[in-house]
Structures are given as C-alpha cells and as structure tokens.
Amino acid sequence: MSSANGVETRFGICTDQNLSFDTLAERWQLFEKLGFDSVWDCDHFNQTSNETGPYFEGWTLLAALATRTERIRIGVLVSCNTFRHPGLLAQCAMTVDHVSHGRLELGIGAGYTHGEHGRFGIDLPPPGERVRRFREAVQVIDSLLRNETTTFDGRYYQLNGAYVRPAPIQKPRPPFTLGAHKSRMLRICAEYADTWNSLGGIEEIAERNRILDEHCADIGRDPTSVRRSFYGWASNMAEQGLPDMWESTGAFEDVVGRYREVGINEFVIDQPRAEQFDVLERVATDVIPRLRHA
C-alpha cells in the first residue's frame, strides 16, 4: 500500500458558495494568510444540503476568487463531467490557470446528483456510461491542455483539429485531481491523475488505495507518483464514527493520523462554522506545520 511516509502532507479547505462574494473572498484570503496549501469551491447548480438556497456557479466564482488570492493553490472539487463538454472545461481550466498565474488544480469527476440534473433538464446517464464518458473526457482534456491540436473520435466526444490557446501556464498541463471511488474510476486515476480524491471511512479509503496501487502496477506507473487526497466534512466524519475535525486541535490531529495510516497525504476539509474559526487558526499555526513533515 502506498503510504504518506516521505511525502509532505498537504492541507486544503473547501468552501460552499452559499455566502456572499465578499465574505467568500475574505475567507479565501484568510485561508491563504494562515498557510493552507489549497482552497476549493464545489460544482453544483444547487447546494446538495440546501437545494432551495443561494449558490454561485463554481468555475466563474473560481476565476473571480483567483484575483483575490496570490499564492494558494485553487480548484473546483470536483467539476461535474455531465455539466460541460470537455472542450469547454479545458478552456475554463486554461483561462483560470492564467488568471491565477499558474495556481490551478484541475478537479474532475463523473457526476452523480439526480436532483439538479432533473431540475435543469441535464441527462444523467447510468453509472457505467458515466464512467465511459468520464474516461473520454479526461483523455480529451489532457490532450487539449498538452498539445497544439487534438483530434479525437470517441463514442461520446468527437474533436477535429481542436485547440486551446494560449497554452496553460503550468507545464505540461495543470495537475489533475480526479474524484473516484470504484475500481473502473480508479483505473482512470492510475492512468491520468496527479492526485486521486475520495471520501468515506478509513477501511473504505484503505481498500481504494490498495486498488489504485494495483492499477498503477498493471500499467507500470510508480504508485507514489499519485497523491492520495481525502475530502471530509462534519456530517461525513460523524457517519464514520469520527469527530468533527474542527471540534478541537486534538480531533483534527486524531483524524489526520488515522487516515495517514492508510496512505492519505492530502486533506481537503470543509471550512469550519463561524464559531470554530478559533480552532481553525490554532490548527493552522500549531498543528499543520508539525503534521506536514511528520
């Protein structure tokens, strides 16, 4: 099993875009000031936990927030493949990479939420087809961001001499964070991901990590070249019998330690509630510097 040993552990924050733009900008600037490695928004038309509430679009918001930050890595965790043609997503990624001066982490997933797809009249194919579409989309985006031109004759996407110009700042392209939970998706991660991201319990993550290692071995890729990223939030932690990571510095360190033992070397955690920001600041100043190289 690939482990976090020898690899610097990274820490990021994910924010829901249900707050005012000015508040989100202030918080992203705070997370940068506190030294977090990355900050992310989400890709939904409506917030999944409050479908009737306000919610900004992920990629346009990301571009705007890129102009309010300077050093922190930024991304969408993760872009829903069913929402955009991969050519459009490649164009979005190239643009935000330039707006951010090369700080983009390109998150991509297959898509899953039935409610918002139905409300907006967007087709949500069965899981098997979503995986096949995702594979083609990742191939297309990878090629568009690396190459001068792309011709692709797939089952779901066809391109003829397509190009994205200017090229991204990051070479050979912005790093891919691919969301995946099951074996076929993990195989795509082994082939294309710079970072694999997942959620779930410790035993689930350990098993997925093992499967990803096997897929890497099958294609001759060094499994340690794929960063292992965990996405968590308070209710998700509770479902796993774990404490809210923002409950205390001890809770944060405890959860990080448990997931590090099964190979995780990046943690992206939903931002704390307003009354927990004192814990956030203590975690950033006292805990994370020690855990990064532990």
Protein backbone atom coordinates (compact mmCIF):
# COMPACT_ATOMS: atom_id res chain seq x y z
CA MET A 1 0.00 0.00 0.00
CA SER A 2 1.30 3.43 -0.89
CA SER A 3 1.79 5.49 2.22
CA ALA A 4 2.21 9.10 3.21
CA ASN A 5 5.70 8.38 4.52
CA GLY A 6 8.32 10.58 2.89
CA VAL A 7 5.73 12.79 1.17
CA GLU A 8 4.81 16.16 2.60
CA THR A 9 1.19 16.15 3.69
CA ARG A 10 -0.91 18.95 2.20
CA PHE A 11 -3.94 20.64 3.75
CA GLY A 12 -6.77 22.41 1.97
CA ILE A 13 -10.13 23.99 2.71
CA CYS A 14 -13.35 23.61 0.70
CA THR A 15 -15.99 26.34 0.85
CA ASP A 16 -19.63 26.18 -0.17
CA GLN A 17 -20.57 29.07 -2.43
CA ASN A 18 -23.72 29.94 -0.50
CA LEU A 19 -22.16 33.01 1.12
CA SER A 20 -21.83 36.48 -0.34
CA PHE A 21 -18.93 37.00 -2.73
CA ASP A 22 -17.26 39.49 -0.38
CA THR A 23 -17.45 37.00 2.51
CA LEU A 24 -16.02 34.20 0.36
CA ALA A 25 -13.18 36.46 -0.78
CA GLU A 26 -12.37 37.42 2.82
CA ARG A 27 -12.31 33.77 3.85
CA TRP A 28 -10.13 32.66 0.95
CA GLN A 29 -7.69 35.43 1.82
CA LEU A 30 -7.72 34.26 5.45
CA PHE A 31 -7.01 30.65 4.47
CA GLU A 32 -4.11 31.84 2.33
CA LYS A 33 -2.75 34.00 5.16
CA LEU A 34 -2.95 31.06 7.56
CA GLY A 35 -0.78 28.96 5.25
CA PHE A 36 -3.16 26.35 3.89
CA ASP A 37 -1.91 24.70 0.70
CA SER A 38 -5.14 24.90 -1.29
CA VAL A 39 -8.68 26.24 -1.28
CA TRP A 40 -11.59 24.86 -3.30
CA ASP A 41 -15.19 25.50 -4.21
CA CYS A 42 -17.76 22.98 -5.47
CA ASP A 43 -19.53 22.25 -8.76
CA HIS A 44 -23.27 22.19 -8.24
CA PHE A 45 -26.16 24.23 -9.58
CA ASN A 46 -27.85 23.96 -6.18
CA GLN A 47 -26.34 23.17 -2.79
CA THR A 48 -26.98 19.47 -2.14
CA SER A 49 -27.75 20.03 1.57
CA ASN A 50 -29.98 23.07 0.94
CA GLU A 51 -31.39 22.83 -2.56
CA THR A 52 -33.59 25.93 -2.30
CA GLY A 53 -30.85 28.27 -1.06
CA PRO A 54 -28.48 30.57 -2.98
CA TYR A 55 -25.44 29.10 -4.71
CA PHE A 56 -22.83 30.60 -7.03
CA GLU A 57 -21.53 28.75 -10.10
CA GLY A 58 -18.20 27.08 -9.40
CA TRP A 59 -15.90 27.99 -12.30
CA THR A 60 -16.87 31.64 -12.72
CA LEU A 61 -16.58 32.03 -8.95
CA LEU A 62 -13.17 30.35 -9.02
CA ALA A 63 -11.91 32.82 -11.62
CA ALA A 64 -13.11 35.74 -9.52
CA LEU A 65 -11.59 34.40 -6.30
CA ALA A 66 -8.32 33.73 -8.12
CA THR A 67 -7.94 37.50 -8.45
CA ARG A 68 -8.38 37.94 -4.68
CA THR A 69 -5.59 35.49 -3.75
CA GLU A 70 -1.90 35.37 -4.61
CA ARG A 71 -0.13 32.15 -3.58
CA ILE A 72 -2.60 29.45 -2.52
CA ARG A 73 -3.48 26.63 -4.95
CA ILE A 74 -7.10 26.80 -6.13
CA GLY A 75 -9.61 24.42 -7.69
CA VAL A 76 -13.13 23.06 -8.07
CA LEU A 77 -13.68 19.87 -6.06
CA VAL A 78 -14.64 18.40 -8.44
CA SER A 79 -16.02 19.51 -11.82
CA CYS A 80 -19.07 17.51 -12.87
CA ASN A 81 -18.39 15.98 -16.29
CA THR A 82 -22.07 15.94 -17.24
CA PHE A 83 -22.34 19.73 -16.86
CA ARG A 84 -19.86 20.72 -19.61
CA HIS A 85 -18.34 19.46 -22.81
CA PRO A 86 -14.68 18.58 -22.06
CA GLY A 87 -13.56 21.15 -24.62
CA LEU A 88 -15.31 23.87 -22.62
CA LEU A 89 -13.81 22.61 -19.35
CA ALA A 90 -10.34 22.64 -20.91
CA GLN A 91 -10.94 26.25 -21.97
CA CYS A 92 -12.11 27.16 -18.45
CA ALA A 93 -9.04 25.50 -16.96
CA MET A 94 -6.63 27.27 -19.27
CA THR A 95 -8.26 30.62 -18.51
CA VAL A 96 -8.21 30.18 -14.73
CA ASP A 97 -4.62 28.93 -14.88
CA HIS A 98 -3.69 32.26 -16.46
CA VAL A 99 -5.90 34.34 -14.15
CA SER A 100 -4.27 32.65 -11.13
CA HIS A 101 -0.74 32.82 -12.58
CA GLY A 102 -0.38 29.05 -12.59
CA ARG A 103 -2.11 28.01 -9.36
CA LEU A 104 -4.91 25.81 -10.73
CA GLU A 105 -5.57 22.25 -9.56
CA LEU A 106 -7.99 20.80 -12.15
CA GLY A 107 -10.59 18.67 -10.36
CA ILE A 108 -12.83 16.40 -12.45
CA GLY A 109 -15.48 13.81 -11.55
CA ALA A 110 -18.09 11.75 -13.39
CA GLY A 111 -21.18 13.44 -11.87
CA TYR A 112 -23.80 11.97 -9.56
CA THR A 113 -26.60 14.25 -8.28
CA HIS A 114 -30.04 13.33 -9.66
CA GLY A 115 -31.95 16.35 -8.30
CA GLU A 116 -30.13 19.16 -10.05
CA HIS A 117 -29.77 17.21 -13.29
CA GLY A 118 -33.52 16.70 -13.36
CA ARG A 119 -34.36 20.30 -12.48
CA PHE A 120 -32.14 21.68 -15.23
CA GLY A 121 -33.01 19.06 -17.83
CA ILE A 122 -29.48 17.65 -18.00
CA ASP A 123 -29.14 13.97 -18.81
CA LEU A 124 -27.57 11.86 -16.07
CA PRO A 125 -26.62 8.55 -17.70
CA PRO A 126 -26.42 5.25 -15.79
CA PRO A 127 -23.20 4.72 -13.80
CA GLY A 128 -21.48 2.58 -16.43
CA GLU A 129 -21.99 5.15 -19.15
CA ARG A 130 -20.88 7.94 -16.84
CA VAL A 131 -17.58 6.13 -16.31
CA ARG A 132 -17.09 5.67 -20.06
CA ARG A 133 -17.90 9.33 -20.72
CA PHE A 134 -15.54 10.35 -17.92
CA ARG A 135 -12.66 8.36 -19.43
CA GLU A 136 -13.14 10.02 -22.82
CA ALA A 137 -13.49 13.46 -21.24
CA VAL A 138 -10.27 13.07 -19.27
CA GLN A 139 -8.46 11.95 -22.43
CA VAL A 140 -9.79 14.96 -24.34
CA ILE A 141 -8.93 17.50 -21.63
CA ASP A 142 -5.48 16.01 -21.13
CA SER A 143 -4.76 16.25 -24.87
CA LEU A 144 -6.17 19.76 -25.30
CA LEU A 145 -4.07 21.14 -22.45
CA ARG A 146 -0.87 19.38 -23.55
CA ASN A 147 -0.89 19.52 -27.33
CA GLU A 148 -1.05 22.05 -30.14
CA THR A 149 -4.15 20.39 -31.62
CA THR A 150 -6.40 17.48 -30.73
CA THR A 151 -8.33 15.14 -32.98
CA PHE A 152 -10.44 12.61 -31.09
CA ASP A 153 -13.00 10.14 -32.39
CA GLY A 154 -14.71 8.73 -29.33
CA ARG A 155 -18.08 7.23 -28.65
CA TYR A 156 -19.27 10.34 -26.81
CA TYR A 157 -16.92 13.14 -27.91
CA GLN A 158 -15.50 13.98 -31.32
CA LEU A 159 -12.93 16.71 -31.98
CA ASN A 160 -11.24 17.59 -35.28
CA GLY A 161 -8.11 19.69 -35.00
CA ALA A 162 -9.38 21.40 -31.84
CA TYR A 163 -7.06 23.62 -29.82
CA VAL A 164 -6.91 25.69 -26.65
CA ARG A 165 -4.82 28.85 -26.93
CA PRO A 166 -2.88 30.23 -25.24
CA ALA A 167 -1.41 27.13 -23.66
CA PRO A 168 -1.74 26.87 -19.88
CA ILE A 169 0.98 28.41 -17.74
CA GLN A 170 1.64 25.12 -15.93
CA LYS A 171 3.52 22.51 -17.94
CA PRO A 172 2.82 20.03 -19.31
CA ARG A 173 -0.68 21.00 -18.05
CA PRO A 174 -2.38 21.92 -14.77
CA PRO A 175 -2.34 18.91 -12.43
CA PHE A 176 -5.43 16.69 -12.45
CA THR A 177 -7.32 15.88 -9.24
CA LEU A 178 -9.69 13.06 -10.22
CA GLY A 179 -12.53 12.01 -7.95
CA ALA A 180 -13.02 8.23 -7.85
CA HIS A 181 -14.40 5.56 -5.53
CA LYS A 182 -14.70 2.31 -7.51
CA SER A 183 -12.27 0.20 -9.48
CA ARG A 184 -13.03 1.40 -13.03
CA MET A 185 -12.73 5.02 -11.99
CA LEU A 186 -9.57 4.25 -10.03
CA ARG A 187 -8.10 2.74 -13.19
CA ILE A 188 -8.58 6.09 -14.93
CA CYS A 189 -6.85 7.75 -11.97
CA ALA A 190 -3.90 5.39 -12.37
CA GLU A 191 -3.59 6.46 -15.99
CA TYR A 192 -4.17 10.21 -15.75
CA ALA A 193 -4.40 11.58 -12.20
CA ASP A 194 -1.75 13.62 -10.45
CA THR A 195 -3.97 13.41 -7.36
CA TRP A 196 -6.73 10.94 -6.53
CA ASN A 197 -9.51 12.29 -4.30
CA SER A 198 -12.14 10.29 -2.44
CA LEU A 199 -14.33 10.35 0.65
CA GLY A 200 -15.54 7.72 3.10
CA GLY A 201 -14.46 5.63 6.06
CA ILE A 202 -10.93 4.60 6.89
CA GLU A 203 -11.39 0.99 5.76
CA GLU A 204 -13.02 2.14 2.51
CA ILE A 205 -10.15 4.51 1.77
CA ALA A 206 -7.58 1.81 2.58
CA GLU A 207 -9.22 -0.61 0.12
CA ARG A 208 -9.48 2.02 -2.63
CA ASN A 209 -5.86 2.94 -2.03
CA ARG A 210 -4.89 -0.71 -2.47
CA ILE A 211 -6.88 -0.99 -5.73
CA LEU A 212 -5.25 2.18 -7.07
CA ASP A 213 -1.83 0.72 -6.27
CA GLU A 214 -2.76 -2.42 -8.23
CA HIS A 215 -3.89 -0.42 -11.24
CA CYS A 216 -0.65 1.58 -11.15
CA ALA A 217 1.34 -1.66 -11.06
CA ASP A 218 -0.65 -3.02 -14.03
CA ILE A 219 0.36 -0.06 -16.23
CA GLY A 220 3.89 0.29 -14.89
CA ARG A 221 3.34 3.55 -13.02
CA ASP A 222 5.04 4.32 -9.72
CA PRO A 223 2.09 4.41 -7.28
CA THR A 224 3.81 7.05 -5.17
CA SER A 225 3.51 9.45 -8.12
CA VAL A 226 -0.24 9.72 -7.44
CA ARG A 227 -1.05 11.89 -4.45
CA ARG A 228 -3.81 10.46 -2.23
CA SER A 229 -6.39 13.05 -1.18
CA PHE A 230 -9.27 12.79 1.31
CA TYR A 231 -12.31 15.09 1.31
CA GLY A 232 -14.25 15.31 4.56
CA TRP A 233 -16.83 17.38 6.44
CA ALA A 234 -18.53 17.23 9.83
CA SER A 235 -21.53 15.04 8.94
CA ASN A 236 -19.28 12.79 6.87
CA MET A 237 -16.98 12.37 9.87
CA ALA A 238 -19.95 11.56 12.11
CA GLU A 239 -21.10 8.82 9.72
CA GLN A 240 -17.67 7.21 10.11
CA GLY A 241 -17.77 7.43 13.91
CA LEU A 242 -15.13 10.17 13.84
CA PRO A 243 -15.19 13.61 15.46
CA ASP A 244 -15.73 16.88 13.64
CA MET A 245 -12.17 17.84 12.69
CA TRP A 246 -12.81 21.46 13.73
CA GLU A 247 -14.06 20.41 17.17
CA SER A 248 -10.56 20.80 18.63
CA THR A 249 -6.91 20.65 17.66
CA GLY A 250 -6.82 17.15 19.13
CA ALA A 251 -9.73 16.00 16.96
CA PHE A 252 -8.03 17.39 13.87
CA GLU A 253 -4.77 15.64 14.66
CA ASP A 254 -6.54 12.37 15.53
CA VAL A 255 -8.45 12.16 12.22
CA VAL A 256 -5.40 13.13 10.17
CA GLY A 257 -3.36 10.46 11.91
CA ARG A 258 -5.90 7.72 11.21
CA TYR A 259 -6.17 8.50 7.50
CA ARG A 260 -2.43 8.95 7.11
CA GLU A 261 -2.03 5.38 8.34
CA VAL A 262 -3.95 4.15 5.26
CA GLY A 263 -1.96 6.25 2.81
CA ILE A 264 -3.63 9.67 2.65
CA ASN A 265 -1.23 12.58 2.11
CA GLU A 266 -3.68 15.39 1.35
CA PHE A 267 -6.67 16.53 3.39
CA VAL A 268 -9.33 18.84 1.96
CA ILE A 269 -11.80 19.68 4.71
CA ASP A 270 -14.97 21.76 4.55
CA GLN A 271 -14.48 25.12 6.22
CA PRO A 272 -15.48 25.26 9.90
CA ARG A 273 -18.53 27.01 11.25
CA ALA A 274 -18.00 30.62 12.26
CA GLU A 275 -17.75 29.73 15.95
CA GLN A 276 -14.97 27.23 15.15
CA PHE A 277 -12.61 29.70 13.49
CA ASP A 278 -10.51 29.94 16.65
CA VAL A 279 -9.79 26.21 16.28
CA LEU A 280 -9.02 26.75 12.58
CA GLU A 281 -6.38 29.34 13.47
CA ARG A 282 -4.79 27.12 16.15
CA VAL A 283 -4.76 24.17 13.75
CA ALA A 284 -3.07 26.30 11.08
CA THR A 285 -0.42 27.77 13.37
CA ASP A 286 0.26 24.93 15.83
CA VAL A 287 -0.78 21.61 14.27
CA ILE A 288 -0.36 21.68 10.49
CA PRO A 289 3.31 22.78 10.45
CA ARG A 290 4.12 19.79 12.64
CA LEU A 291 1.99 17.32 10.66
CA ARG A 292 3.29 18.35 7.23
CA HIS A 293 6.59 16.53 7.72
CA ALA A 294 5.61 14.07 10.46
